Amino acid sequence: MLTSIQLSEQAKNALSRFKDTTKQTYEEVILNLIKIAEIQKRKQEKLLIEECKEMAEENLRIAKEWESTLIDGLDRKEKWEELEEGI
């Protein structure tokens, strides 16, 4: 089933710039642009997943470094002075 769509002259000219040949139809141009967009989306998703994995590994490494420290992070031998009121 064929259908028609309305395009502004500006949109038609933009699509024309994507034609590889003068014989290429606007449908072929649009389908090619959709294919390119889908490929780019998959690449971005893959990169995002890889970046999340790297961040998780880095966070795990940092957490392991801190495992051996005291929960409050203070040295038990360290002496603390109480702060005066109003400071």
N, C-alpha and C. Protein backbone atom coordinates (compact mmCIF):
# COMPACT_ATOMS: atom_id res chain seq x y z
N MET A 1 0.83 -1.17 0.00
CA MET A 1 0.00 0.00 0.00
C MET A 1 0.88 1.24 0.00
N LEU A 2 0.64 2.11 -0.92
CA LEU A 2 1.39 3.36 -1.01
C LEU A 2 0.61 4.47 -0.33
N THR A 3 1.34 5.37 0.25
CA THR A 3 0.73 6.54 0.86
C THR A 3 1.59 7.75 0.53
N SER A 4 1.08 8.90 0.74
CA SER A 4 1.87 10.09 0.46
C SER A 4 1.99 10.90 1.75
N ILE A 5 3.06 11.66 1.83
CA ILE A 5 3.27 12.55 2.97
C ILE A 5 3.55 13.94 2.44
N GLN A 6 3.22 14.92 3.24
CA GLN A 6 3.50 16.29 2.83
C GLN A 6 4.78 16.76 3.50
N LEU A 7 5.62 17.38 2.71
CA LEU A 7 6.88 17.93 3.20
C LEU A 7 6.98 19.38 2.79
N SER A 8 7.60 20.14 3.64
CA SER A 8 7.89 21.51 3.24
C SER A 8 8.99 21.48 2.19
N GLU A 9 9.15 22.54 1.48
CA GLU A 9 10.21 22.63 0.47
C GLU A 9 11.58 22.48 1.14
N GLN A 10 11.70 23.03 2.34
CA GLN A 10 12.95 22.94 3.09
C GLN A 10 13.28 21.48 3.43
N ALA A 11 12.28 20.71 3.87
CA ALA A 11 12.50 19.30 4.20
C ALA A 11 12.84 18.50 2.94
N LYS A 12 12.16 18.80 1.86
CA LYS A 12 12.44 18.11 0.59
C LYS A 12 13.86 18.39 0.13
N ASN A 13 14.29 19.63 0.25
CA ASN A 13 15.66 19.99 -0.14
C ASN A 13 16.70 19.29 0.76
N ALA A 14 16.38 19.21 2.04
CA ALA A 14 17.29 18.52 2.97
C ALA A 14 17.41 17.05 2.59
N LEU A 15 16.29 16.41 2.28
CA LEU A 15 16.32 15.00 1.85
C LEU A 15 17.08 14.85 0.53
N SER A 16 16.93 15.81 -0.35
CA SER A 16 17.63 15.75 -1.65
C SER A 16 19.14 15.73 -1.47
N ARG A 17 19.62 16.43 -0.46
CA ARG A 17 21.07 16.47 -0.20
C ARG A 17 21.60 15.10 0.24
N PHE A 18 20.72 14.24 0.73
CA PHE A 18 21.13 12.90 1.15
C PHE A 18 21.05 11.87 0.04
N LYS A 19 20.55 12.26 -1.10
CA LYS A 19 20.47 11.31 -2.22
C LYS A 19 21.86 10.98 -2.73
N ASP A 20 22.10 9.69 -2.93
CA ASP A 20 23.37 9.24 -3.50
C ASP A 20 23.39 9.45 -5.01
N THR A 21 22.23 9.26 -5.62
CA THR A 21 22.10 9.44 -7.07
C THR A 21 20.80 10.18 -7.33
N THR A 22 20.67 10.71 -8.53
CA THR A 22 19.42 11.40 -8.87
C THR A 22 18.26 10.44 -9.01
N LYS A 23 18.56 9.15 -9.25
CA LYS A 23 17.50 8.15 -9.42
C LYS A 23 17.02 7.58 -8.08
N GLN A 24 17.73 7.86 -7.00
CA GLN A 24 17.33 7.34 -5.70
C GLN A 24 16.04 8.02 -5.25
N THR A 25 15.10 7.23 -4.77
CA THR A 25 13.81 7.79 -4.36
C THR A 25 13.92 8.38 -2.95
N TYR A 26 12.95 9.23 -2.64
CA TYR A 26 12.92 9.81 -1.29
C TYR A 26 12.67 8.71 -0.25
N GLU A 27 11.88 7.71 -0.63
CA GLU A 27 11.64 6.59 0.28
C GLU A 27 12.96 5.89 0.61
N GLU A 28 13.80 5.67 -0.39
CA GLU A 28 15.10 5.03 -0.16
C GLU A 28 15.97 5.90 0.75
N VAL A 29 15.93 7.19 0.54
CA VAL A 29 16.71 8.11 1.38
C VAL A 29 16.23 8.03 2.83
N ILE A 30 14.91 8.09 3.03
CA ILE A 30 14.35 8.04 4.37
C ILE A 30 14.68 6.71 5.05
N LEU A 31 14.52 5.60 4.34
CA LEU A 31 14.83 4.30 4.91
C LEU A 31 16.31 4.19 5.28
N ASN A 32 17.18 4.75 4.45
CA ASN A 32 18.61 4.75 4.73
C ASN A 32 18.92 5.57 5.99
N LEU A 33 18.27 6.73 6.12
CA LEU A 33 18.47 7.56 7.31
C LEU A 33 17.97 6.86 8.57
N ILE A 34 16.85 6.15 8.46
CA ILE A 34 16.33 5.39 9.60
C ILE A 34 17.31 4.30 9.99
N LYS A 35 17.88 3.61 9.00
CA LYS A 35 18.86 2.55 9.27
C LYS A 35 20.08 3.12 9.99
N ILE A 36 20.56 4.25 9.51
CA ILE A 36 21.72 4.90 10.14
C ILE A 36 21.39 5.29 11.58
N ALA A 37 20.20 5.84 11.80
CA ALA A 37 19.79 6.25 13.15
C ALA A 37 19.72 5.05 14.09
N GLU A 38 19.20 3.92 13.60
CA GLU A 38 19.12 2.71 14.42
C GLU A 38 20.50 2.17 14.77
N ILE A 39 21.41 2.20 13.81
CA ILE A 39 22.79 1.75 14.06
C ILE A 39 23.44 2.63 15.12
N GLN A 40 23.28 3.94 15.00
CA GLN A 40 23.85 4.87 15.96
C GLN A 40 23.27 4.66 17.35
N LYS A 41 21.98 4.40 17.42
CA LYS A 41 21.33 4.17 18.71
C LYS A 41 21.90 2.93 19.38
N ARG A 42 22.09 1.85 18.61
CA ARG A 42 22.68 0.63 19.17
C ARG A 42 24.11 0.87 19.64
N LYS A 43 24.87 1.64 18.87
CA LYS A 43 26.25 1.97 19.27
C LYS A 43 26.27 2.75 20.57
N GLN A 44 25.38 3.73 20.69
CA GLN A 44 25.31 4.54 21.91
C GLN A 44 24.92 3.69 23.11
N GLU A 45 23.96 2.78 22.93
CA GLU A 45 23.55 1.89 24.02
C GLU A 45 24.71 1.00 24.45
N LYS A 46 25.46 0.49 23.47
CA LYS A 46 26.60 -0.37 23.78
C LYS A 46 27.67 0.42 24.55
N LEU A 47 27.95 1.64 24.10
CA LEU A 47 28.93 2.47 24.80
C LEU A 47 28.48 2.79 26.22
N LEU A 48 27.21 3.08 26.39
CA LEU A 48 26.68 3.39 27.71
C LEU A 48 26.82 2.19 28.64
N ILE A 49 26.52 1.00 28.14
CA ILE A 49 26.67 -0.22 28.94
C ILE A 49 28.12 -0.42 29.33
N GLU A 50 29.04 -0.25 28.39
CA GLU A 50 30.46 -0.41 28.68
C GLU A 50 30.94 0.59 29.72
N GLU A 51 30.50 1.85 29.59
CA GLU A 51 30.88 2.88 30.56
C GLU A 51 30.35 2.56 31.95
N CYS A 52 29.12 2.05 32.01
CA CYS A 52 28.53 1.67 33.31
C CYS A 52 29.32 0.53 33.93
N LYS A 53 29.74 -0.43 33.12
CA LYS A 53 30.55 -1.54 33.64
C LYS A 53 31.87 -1.04 34.19
N GLU A 54 32.52 -0.11 33.46
CA GLU A 54 33.79 0.45 33.92
C GLU A 54 33.60 1.21 35.23
N MET A 55 32.52 1.98 35.33
CA MET A 55 32.26 2.73 36.56
C MET A 55 32.01 1.78 37.73
N ALA A 56 31.27 0.71 37.48
CA ALA A 56 30.99 -0.27 38.54
C ALA A 56 32.28 -0.93 39.02
N GLU A 57 33.16 -1.27 38.09
CA GLU A 57 34.44 -1.87 38.45
C GLU A 57 35.28 -0.90 39.27
N GLU A 58 35.29 0.36 38.89
CA GLU A 58 36.04 1.38 39.62
C GLU A 58 35.46 1.57 41.02
N ASN A 59 34.14 1.61 41.13
CA ASN A 59 33.50 1.75 42.44
C ASN A 59 33.81 0.55 43.33
N LEU A 60 33.81 -0.64 42.76
CA LEU A 60 34.14 -1.84 43.52
C LEU A 60 35.59 -1.79 44.00
N ARG A 61 36.48 -1.33 43.14
CA ARG A 61 37.90 -1.20 43.52
C ARG A 61 38.05 -0.23 44.69
N ILE A 62 37.38 0.90 44.60
CA ILE A 62 37.45 1.90 45.67
C ILE A 62 36.86 1.33 46.96
N ALA A 63 35.73 0.63 46.86
CA ALA A 63 35.11 0.05 48.04
C ALA A 63 36.03 -0.95 48.72
N LYS A 64 36.73 -1.74 47.91
CA LYS A 64 37.67 -2.72 48.48
C LYS A 64 38.83 -2.02 49.17
N GLU A 65 39.28 -0.90 48.65
CA GLU A 65 40.36 -0.15 49.29
C GLU A 65 39.93 0.35 50.67
N TRP A 66 38.67 0.70 50.80
CA TRP A 66 38.17 1.26 52.05
C TRP A 66 37.70 0.20 53.04
N GLU A 67 37.61 -1.06 52.62
CA GLU A 67 37.14 -2.13 53.50
C GLU A 67 37.96 -2.25 54.77
N SER A 68 39.25 -2.04 54.67
CA SER A 68 40.12 -2.25 55.82
C SER A 68 40.13 -1.07 56.79
N THR A 69 39.49 0.02 56.46
CA THR A 69 39.46 1.17 57.37
C THR A 69 38.36 1.00 58.39
N LEU A 70 38.44 1.76 59.47
CA LEU A 70 37.38 1.74 60.47
C LEU A 70 36.09 2.26 59.87
N ILE A 71 34.98 1.82 60.40
CA ILE A 71 33.69 2.24 59.87
C ILE A 71 33.55 3.75 59.91
N ASP A 72 33.97 4.37 61.03
CA ASP A 72 33.83 5.82 61.13
C ASP A 72 35.01 6.55 60.50
N GLY A 73 36.02 5.81 60.06
CA GLY A 73 37.16 6.41 59.39
C GLY A 73 38.13 7.09 60.34
N LEU A 74 37.96 6.93 61.67
CA LEU A 74 38.82 7.59 62.64
C LEU A 74 39.85 6.62 63.21
N ASP A 75 40.96 7.16 63.59
CA ASP A 75 42.00 6.39 64.25
C ASP A 75 41.62 6.30 65.73
N ARG A 76 41.57 5.10 66.27
CA ARG A 76 41.17 4.92 67.67
C ARG A 76 42.11 5.64 68.63
N LYS A 77 43.37 5.79 68.28
CA LYS A 77 44.34 6.42 69.15
C LYS A 77 44.31 7.95 69.08
N GLU A 78 43.62 8.47 68.08
CA GLU A 78 43.59 9.92 67.88
C GLU A 78 42.75 10.59 68.96
N LYS A 79 43.26 11.67 69.56
CA LYS A 79 42.55 12.40 70.60
C LYS A 79 41.81 13.57 69.97
N TRP A 80 40.56 13.75 70.41
CA TRP A 80 39.73 14.84 69.90
C TRP A 80 39.36 15.77 71.04
N GLU A 81 39.41 17.02 70.76
CA GLU A 81 38.99 18.01 71.74
C GLU A 81 37.56 18.41 71.41
N GLU A 82 36.76 18.63 72.45
CA GLU A 82 35.40 19.07 72.22
C GLU A 82 35.40 20.51 71.77
N LEU A 83 34.51 20.84 70.86
CA LEU A 83 34.40 22.20 70.37
C LEU A 83 33.66 23.05 71.38
N GLU A 84 34.07 24.30 71.48
CA GLU A 84 33.36 25.22 72.37
C GLU A 84 32.03 25.58 71.78
N GLU A 85 31.06 25.86 72.63
CA GLU A 85 29.73 26.27 72.18
C GLU A 85 29.83 27.54 71.37
N GLY A 86 29.03 27.66 70.35
CA GLY A 86 28.94 28.89 69.57
C GLY A 86 29.93 28.98 68.43
N ILE A 87 30.75 27.99 68.26
CA ILE A 87 31.70 28.05 67.14
C ILE A 87 31.13 27.35 65.96
